[in-house]
Amino acid sequence: MATPVPLARPGARLAAALSGLALAGVMLSAQAPVEPAAGDSARFVAFLEDIKAEAVRRGISEAVAARALDGLEPLPIVLDRDRGQAEAVLPIDTYVRQRLTPATVRQAQRMATTHRAVLEKVGKTYGVQPRYLVAVWGLESNFGRFTGVRPTVQALATLAFDGRRGELFRSELFDALRIVERGHIDLERLKGSWAGAMGQPQFMPSSYLKYAEDFDGDGTRDIWSNQADVFASIANYLKAYGWDGEATWGRQVRLPGPVAELAERAGSRGEGCRAERALTRRRYLAEWQAMGVRTAEGRDLPAVERQASLLDAGGRQFLVYANYEAILGYNCANAYALSVAMLGDRISLP
């Protein structure tokens, strides 16, 4: 998470990988601010002219391209954040404990109760349990209270110009222009994180175009201020990544011996993002049972035809199912996914 890389599956997880360093338990090292190099101003103007020309070729009107891009300057603070190097990473169990404070759990419960009616409608429509929608919402934007203050187009233009992942951010920049072109939000209101994540779900522009929903049918997909659209968009995203509304995310388990030995027997993954590669290969619960794995209380595992992977979270181990991996689709960090899962488990809807 400290050194973001392009992801095979674009989406909210891209925003989280780039802007959610705090969500991974990462503390940024102190460093001198990034200052524009001599000549950058002229090169940035030329870069924007090239972007405008390509935007028009992609179907963006000249008026929108000019209004969005003319007069922009690079944002040094965006480069500061992008180049921050991690000096320490909290252990997963420490991170989860710090995120799931009693105050956070109480606030999550209050929000779930307040928005119960729309949450239940969204949950039935998309097949995602409402408590997990609240958990994602809470961790992404502090229950909608912080969605970012950086102008999205300017932030993305800065990152595309910087060139370290130029093509990735260039693509997101064109998607941001499409959002304005199609009237989803006024340019002046299009603000978010330093990496371009937007709204209460913290979607990247590409995620917005793919997954944002107009749940209340008012003609807009408003992930900034419409709670029905916010919850439906999160649900639509999780559903697209394979969420099963009839299943849970996983469970803490007790192992018969050292975790490394069991993980070796199960086999490691050779694909996926870093958090996915930290999981073992999927095995049926009956196979884990045969290897001596039991629930945290020492009981037999459920006798269902379900596959699970083993996750070592420091002092605790978990068998995690497909729903857990759907959360990783949102943000590929095990600290984040466990926090969402456990926060969701602590929310009840009377």
Protein backbone atom coordinates (compact mmCIF):
# COMPACT_ATOMS: atom_id res chain seq x y z
CA MET A 1 0.00 0.00 0.00
CA ALA A 2 2.93 2.35 0.56
CA THR A 3 4.06 2.00 -3.04
CA PRO A 4 0.93 1.89 -5.20
CA VAL A 5 1.01 0.02 -8.51
CA PRO A 6 -1.51 -0.16 -11.35
CA LEU A 7 -4.20 -2.69 -10.58
CA ALA A 8 -5.64 -5.27 -12.91
CA ARG A 9 -9.18 -4.45 -11.83
CA PRO A 10 -9.92 -0.70 -11.69
CA GLY A 11 -12.26 0.52 -9.02
CA ALA A 12 -12.56 1.86 -5.57
CA ARG A 13 -9.63 -0.35 -4.56
CA LEU A 14 -7.44 1.85 -6.79
CA ALA A 15 -8.49 4.89 -4.82
CA ALA A 16 -7.84 3.13 -1.57
CA ALA A 17 -4.45 1.84 -2.66
CA LEU A 18 -3.40 5.31 -3.71
CA SER A 19 -5.04 7.57 -1.17
CA GLY A 20 -5.85 5.29 1.73
CA LEU A 21 -2.42 4.89 3.29
CA ALA A 22 -3.96 5.53 6.66
CA LEU A 23 -6.47 2.76 5.98
CA ALA A 24 -3.60 0.31 5.68
CA GLY A 25 -2.11 1.43 8.98
CA VAL A 26 0.74 3.28 7.31
CA MET A 27 2.52 6.31 8.77
CA LEU A 28 4.21 8.57 6.23
CA SER A 29 7.79 9.63 6.79
CA ALA A 30 8.65 13.31 7.10
CA GLN A 31 10.20 14.71 3.95
CA ALA A 32 10.76 17.97 2.16
CA PRO A 33 7.79 19.17 0.09
CA VAL A 34 7.93 18.41 -3.62
CA GLU A 35 8.51 21.64 -5.49
CA PRO A 36 7.87 22.08 -9.22
CA ALA A 37 11.07 21.86 -11.24
CA ALA A 38 12.23 24.70 -13.41
CA GLY A 39 10.35 24.63 -16.67
CA ASP A 40 7.51 22.53 -15.31
CA SER A 41 4.99 25.32 -15.74
CA ALA A 42 5.50 25.57 -19.49
CA ARG A 43 5.57 21.78 -19.87
CA PHE A 44 2.37 21.48 -17.82
CA VAL A 45 0.58 23.97 -20.09
CA ALA A 46 1.68 21.97 -23.13
CA PHE A 47 0.60 18.76 -21.40
CA LEU A 48 -2.87 20.17 -20.75
CA GLU A 49 -3.21 21.25 -24.37
CA ASP A 50 -2.46 17.68 -25.39
CA ILE A 51 -5.02 16.39 -22.87
CA LYS A 52 -7.65 18.79 -24.20
CA ALA A 53 -7.08 17.68 -27.77
CA GLU A 54 -7.32 14.02 -26.83
CA ALA A 55 -10.40 14.67 -24.67
CA VAL A 56 -12.18 16.19 -27.66
CA ARG A 57 -11.22 13.19 -29.78
CA ARG A 58 -12.76 11.01 -27.04
CA GLY A 59 -16.07 12.85 -27.26
CA ILE A 60 -15.63 15.54 -24.59
CA SER A 61 -16.89 18.92 -25.73
CA GLU A 62 -14.32 21.66 -26.28
CA ALA A 63 -16.20 23.85 -23.81
CA VAL A 64 -16.00 21.31 -20.97
CA ALA A 65 -12.36 20.47 -21.70
CA ALA A 66 -11.37 24.13 -21.71
CA ARG A 67 -13.35 25.01 -18.58
CA ALA A 68 -11.89 22.06 -16.68
CA LEU A 69 -8.27 22.35 -17.79
CA ASP A 70 -7.46 25.96 -18.71
CA GLY A 71 -5.37 27.76 -16.11
CA LEU A 72 -4.61 24.72 -13.98
CA GLU A 73 -1.29 24.41 -12.17
CA PRO A 74 0.28 21.31 -10.61
CA LEU A 75 -0.60 20.70 -6.97
CA PRO A 76 2.63 20.16 -4.98
CA ILE A 77 0.70 18.66 -2.05
CA VAL A 78 -0.58 15.91 -4.34
CA LEU A 79 2.98 14.99 -5.27
CA ASP A 80 3.95 15.11 -1.59
CA ARG A 81 1.29 12.55 -0.78
CA ASP A 82 2.05 10.39 -3.79
CA ARG A 83 5.76 10.18 -3.02
CA GLY A 84 5.41 9.65 0.72
CA GLN A 85 7.35 6.59 1.83
CA ALA A 86 6.11 4.33 4.61
CA GLU A 87 8.39 4.17 7.64
CA ALA A 88 6.23 1.84 9.73
CA VAL A 89 3.27 -0.41 9.18
CA LEU A 90 1.06 -1.45 12.06
CA PRO A 91 0.41 -5.16 12.52
CA ILE A 92 -3.03 -6.10 11.23
CA ASP A 93 -4.46 -6.91 14.65
CA THR A 94 -3.18 -3.62 16.08
CA TYR A 95 -4.64 -1.68 13.18
CA VAL A 96 -8.03 -3.35 13.49
CA ARG A 97 -8.12 -2.68 17.21
CA GLN A 98 -7.34 1.00 16.67
CA ARG A 99 -9.95 1.40 13.94
CA LEU A 100 -12.76 -0.46 15.67
CA THR A 101 -12.95 1.73 18.73
CA PRO A 102 -16.10 1.70 20.88
CA ALA A 103 -16.90 5.19 19.55
CA THR A 104 -16.69 3.99 15.93
CA VAL A 105 -18.88 0.98 16.64
CA ARG A 106 -21.47 3.17 18.40
CA GLN A 107 -21.50 5.62 15.50
CA ALA A 108 -21.86 2.78 13.00
CA GLN A 109 -24.85 1.47 14.93
CA ARG A 110 -26.44 4.92 15.08
CA MET A 111 -26.00 5.39 11.34
CA ALA A 112 -27.39 1.95 10.58
CA THR A 113 -30.45 2.70 12.70
CA THR A 114 -30.91 6.16 11.20
CA HIS A 115 -30.78 4.91 7.62
CA ARG A 116 -32.40 1.55 8.27
CA ALA A 117 -35.24 1.91 5.76
CA VAL A 118 -33.09 2.74 2.73
CA LEU A 119 -30.38 0.29 3.79
CA GLU A 120 -32.87 -2.56 3.88
CA LYS A 121 -34.22 -1.64 0.43
CA VAL A 122 -30.71 -1.49 -1.00
CA GLY A 123 -29.74 -4.73 0.70
CA LYS A 124 -32.68 -6.61 -0.80
CA THR A 125 -32.07 -5.15 -4.25
CA TYR A 126 -28.39 -6.03 -4.49
CA GLY A 127 -28.09 -8.95 -2.11
CA VAL A 128 -25.61 -7.29 0.23
CA GLN A 129 -26.24 -7.24 3.97
CA PRO A 130 -26.81 -3.61 5.08
CA ARG A 131 -24.40 -3.79 8.01
CA TYR A 132 -21.46 -4.27 5.65
CA LEU A 133 -22.55 -1.29 3.55
CA VAL A 134 -22.41 0.84 6.69
CA ALA A 135 -18.99 -0.58 7.55
CA VAL A 136 -17.51 0.29 4.14
CA TRP A 137 -19.12 3.74 4.27
CA GLY A 138 -17.74 4.37 7.74
CA LEU A 139 -14.18 3.42 6.92
CA GLU A 140 -14.12 5.16 3.54
CA SER A 141 -15.44 8.58 4.53
CA ASN A 142 -16.11 8.52 8.27
CA PHE A 143 -19.81 7.94 7.60
CA GLY A 144 -19.89 10.61 4.92
CA ARG A 145 -18.26 13.33 6.99
CA PHE A 146 -15.04 13.57 4.99
CA THR A 147 -14.97 13.07 1.25
CA GLY A 148 -11.91 15.14 0.33
CA VAL A 149 -11.22 18.74 -0.58
CA ARG A 150 -8.86 18.52 -3.56
CA PRO A 151 -10.20 19.53 -6.99
CA THR A 152 -10.41 16.15 -8.73
CA VAL A 153 -9.45 17.26 -12.23
CA GLN A 154 -6.47 19.24 -10.97
CA ALA A 155 -5.28 16.39 -8.75
CA LEU A 156 -5.54 13.84 -11.55
CA ALA A 157 -3.87 16.17 -14.04
CA THR A 158 -0.98 16.64 -11.59
CA LEU A 159 -0.52 12.89 -11.18
CA ALA A 160 -0.86 12.20 -14.90
CA PHE A 161 1.74 14.87 -15.65
CA ASP A 162 4.13 13.53 -13.02
CA GLY A 163 4.48 10.40 -15.10
CA ARG A 164 5.20 7.78 -12.44
CA ARG A 165 1.86 6.17 -13.32
CA GLY A 166 0.97 8.58 -16.05
CA GLU A 167 -1.23 6.36 -18.20
CA LEU A 168 -3.27 5.20 -15.22
CA PHE A 169 -4.05 8.72 -14.04
CA ARG A 170 -4.47 9.99 -17.58
CA SER A 171 -7.27 7.48 -18.05
CA GLU A 172 -8.89 8.51 -14.77
CA LEU A 173 -8.63 12.16 -15.83
CA PHE A 174 -10.59 11.49 -19.03
CA ASP A 175 -13.21 9.66 -16.97
CA ALA A 176 -13.47 12.65 -14.64
CA LEU A 177 -14.08 14.88 -17.66
CA ARG A 178 -16.78 12.47 -18.84
CA ILE A 179 -18.49 12.78 -15.47
CA VAL A 180 -18.64 16.56 -15.92
CA GLU A 181 -19.60 16.29 -19.59
CA ARG A 182 -22.57 14.05 -18.75
CA GLY A 183 -23.79 16.39 -16.04
CA HIS A 184 -23.36 14.02 -13.11
CA ILE A 185 -21.86 16.83 -11.01
CA ASP A 186 -20.78 20.42 -11.54
CA LEU A 187 -17.06 20.92 -12.07
CA GLU A 188 -16.87 23.21 -9.04
CA ARG A 189 -18.25 20.45 -6.78
CA LEU A 190 -15.99 17.74 -8.18
CA LYS A 191 -13.58 17.40 -5.26
CA GLY A 192 -12.10 14.46 -3.43
CA SER A 193 -8.90 12.90 -2.19
CA TRP A 194 -5.42 13.78 -3.40
CA ALA A 195 -5.54 10.69 -5.67
CA GLY A 196 -8.89 11.54 -7.24
CA ALA A 197 -11.21 9.41 -5.07
CA MET A 198 -14.68 10.95 -4.93
CA GLY A 199 -17.77 11.06 -2.80
CA GLN A 200 -18.84 9.14 0.27
CA PRO A 201 -17.84 5.75 -1.22
CA GLN A 202 -14.49 7.22 -2.38
CA PHE A 203 -14.83 6.00 -5.95
CA MET A 204 -12.25 6.76 -8.60
CA PRO A 205 -13.83 8.29 -11.74
CA SER A 206 -13.66 4.94 -13.56
CA SER A 207 -15.46 3.27 -10.65
CA TYR A 208 -18.12 5.95 -10.68
CA LEU A 209 -18.87 5.37 -14.36
CA LYS A 210 -19.06 1.59 -13.85
CA TYR A 211 -20.72 1.19 -10.47
CA ALA A 212 -22.44 4.38 -9.28
CA GLU A 213 -26.22 3.97 -9.03
CA ASP A 214 -29.28 6.24 -9.15
CA PHE A 215 -31.24 4.26 -6.59
CA ASP A 216 -33.97 6.81 -5.89
CA GLY A 217 -34.60 7.43 -9.60
CA ASP A 218 -34.14 11.20 -9.50
CA GLY A 219 -31.99 11.16 -12.63
CA THR A 220 -28.62 11.60 -10.93
CA ARG A 221 -26.05 9.19 -9.54
CA ASP A 222 -25.20 11.31 -6.53
CA ILE A 223 -22.50 9.64 -4.41
CA TRP A 224 -21.74 12.97 -2.75
CA SER A 225 -24.94 13.79 -0.88
CA ASN A 226 -27.68 11.23 -1.62
CA GLN A 227 -27.60 8.37 0.90
CA ALA A 228 -29.71 6.05 -1.24
CA ASP A 229 -27.29 6.43 -4.14
CA VAL A 230 -24.27 6.12 -1.82
CA PHE A 231 -25.41 2.81 -0.31
CA ALA A 232 -26.60 1.42 -3.65
CA SER A 233 -23.29 2.29 -5.31
CA ILE A 234 -21.29 0.51 -2.60
CA ALA A 235 -23.61 -2.47 -2.86
CA ASN A 236 -23.36 -2.55 -6.64
CA TYR A 237 -19.58 -2.51 -6.41
CA LEU A 238 -19.44 -5.38 -3.91
CA LYS A 239 -21.97 -7.37 -5.94
CA ALA A 240 -19.83 -6.92 -9.05
CA TYR A 241 -16.90 -8.41 -7.14
CA GLY A 242 -18.90 -11.48 -6.20
CA TRP A 243 -20.63 -10.70 -2.91
CA ASP A 244 -23.04 -13.43 -1.79
CA GLY A 245 -25.87 -12.11 0.35
CA GLU A 246 -26.57 -15.59 1.72
CA ALA A 247 -23.07 -16.01 3.14
CA THR A 248 -20.80 -14.37 5.66
CA TRP A 249 -17.20 -13.22 5.13
CA GLY A 250 -15.31 -15.75 7.23
CA ARG A 251 -14.50 -16.68 10.81
CA GLN A 252 -11.67 -16.78 13.29
CA VAL A 253 -10.27 -20.29 13.68
CA ARG A 254 -8.03 -22.41 15.86
CA LEU A 255 -5.12 -24.24 14.21
CA PRO A 256 -3.63 -27.61 15.16
CA GLY A 257 -0.07 -26.31 14.92
CA PRO A 258 2.13 -23.50 13.56
CA VAL A 259 0.36 -21.36 10.98
CA ALA A 260 3.31 -21.54 8.59
CA GLU A 261 3.10 -25.32 8.42
CA LEU A 262 -0.62 -25.31 7.69
CA ALA A 263 -0.25 -22.56 5.11
CA GLU A 264 2.45 -24.60 3.37
CA ARG A 265 0.18 -27.63 3.28
CA ALA A 266 -2.66 -25.58 1.82
CA GLY A 267 -0.44 -23.90 -0.73
CA SER A 268 0.21 -20.23 -1.36
CA ARG A 269 -1.30 -18.08 -4.09
CA GLY A 270 0.80 -16.84 -6.92
CA GLU A 271 -1.60 -14.25 -8.27
CA GLY A 272 -3.59 -11.22 -7.25
CA CYS A 273 -2.69 -8.09 -5.36
CA ARG A 274 -0.43 -8.15 -2.31
CA ALA A 275 -3.23 -8.87 0.14
CA GLU A 276 -4.59 -11.68 -2.02
CA ARG A 277 -1.13 -13.21 -2.29
CA ALA A 278 -0.98 -13.28 1.52
CA LEU A 279 -3.89 -15.76 1.51
CA THR A 280 -3.54 -19.48 0.96
CA ARG A 281 -5.17 -21.25 -1.92
CA ARG A 282 -8.88 -21.90 -1.50
CA ARG A 283 -9.79 -25.21 0.12
CA TYR A 284 -13.19 -26.64 0.99
CA LEU A 285 -14.13 -26.42 4.66
CA ALA A 286 -14.09 -30.22 4.82
CA GLU A 287 -10.44 -30.12 3.79
CA TRP A 288 -9.60 -27.58 6.50
CA GLN A 289 -11.50 -29.71 8.97
CA ALA A 290 -9.43 -32.75 7.95
CA MET A 291 -6.25 -30.72 8.51
CA GLY A 292 -7.32 -30.09 12.09
CA VAL A 293 -8.70 -26.56 11.77
CA ARG A 294 -11.56 -25.76 14.15
CA THR A 295 -13.60 -22.69 15.04
CA ALA A 296 -12.10 -20.30 17.56
CA GLU A 297 -14.34 -21.95 20.18
CA GLY A 298 -12.97 -25.40 19.29
CA ARG A 299 -16.03 -26.66 17.44
CA ASP A 300 -16.18 -28.38 14.05
CA LEU A 301 -16.32 -26.16 10.98
CA PRO A 302 -19.71 -25.78 9.29
CA ALA A 303 -20.62 -28.77 7.13
CA VAL A 304 -21.28 -26.74 3.98
CA GLU A 305 -19.76 -26.89 0.50
CA ARG A 306 -17.83 -23.65 0.75
CA GLN A 307 -14.24 -22.79 -0.06
CA ALA A 308 -12.06 -20.66 2.19
CA SER A 309 -8.53 -19.34 2.37
CA LEU A 310 -6.38 -19.10 5.48
CA LEU A 311 -5.33 -15.61 6.60
CA ASP A 312 -2.71 -15.05 9.28
CA ALA A 313 -3.43 -11.75 11.04
CA GLY A 314 -0.59 -11.83 13.51
CA GLY A 315 -2.01 -13.14 16.74
CA ARG A 316 -5.17 -14.50 15.12
CA GLN A 317 -5.98 -16.67 12.12
CA PHE A 318 -9.09 -16.63 9.95
CA LEU A 319 -10.71 -18.70 7.26
CA VAL A 320 -12.05 -16.17 4.77
CA TYR A 321 -14.69 -16.74 2.06
CA ALA A 322 -15.58 -15.12 -1.23
CA ASN A 323 -17.25 -12.15 0.48
CA TYR A 324 -13.98 -11.25 2.16
CA GLU A 325 -12.34 -11.20 -1.25
CA ALA A 326 -15.09 -8.91 -2.51
CA ILE A 327 -14.04 -6.47 0.22
CA LEU A 328 -10.45 -6.80 -1.00
CA GLY A 329 -11.86 -5.82 -4.39
CA TYR A 330 -12.85 -2.53 -2.81
CA ASN A 331 -9.47 -2.01 -1.13
CA CYS A 332 -6.80 -4.67 -1.41
CA ALA A 333 -5.42 -4.48 2.13
CA ASN A 334 -6.11 -7.19 4.69
CA ALA A 335 -6.13 -4.65 7.52
CA TYR A 336 -8.91 -2.75 5.74
CA ALA A 337 -10.91 -5.85 4.78
CA LEU A 338 -10.82 -7.28 8.31
CA SER A 339 -11.85 -3.92 9.73
CA VAL A 340 -14.86 -3.74 7.39
CA ALA A 341 -15.81 -7.34 8.13
CA MET A 342 -15.53 -7.03 11.90
CA LEU A 343 -17.24 -3.65 12.04
CA GLY A 344 -20.08 -5.07 9.98
CA ASP A 345 -20.40 -8.00 12.40
CA ARG A 346 -20.87 -5.57 15.30
CA ILE A 347 -23.77 -3.73 13.69
CA SER A 348 -27.32 -4.90 14.18
CA LEU A 349 -30.49 -3.67 12.54
CA PRO A 350 -33.47 -4.12 14.93
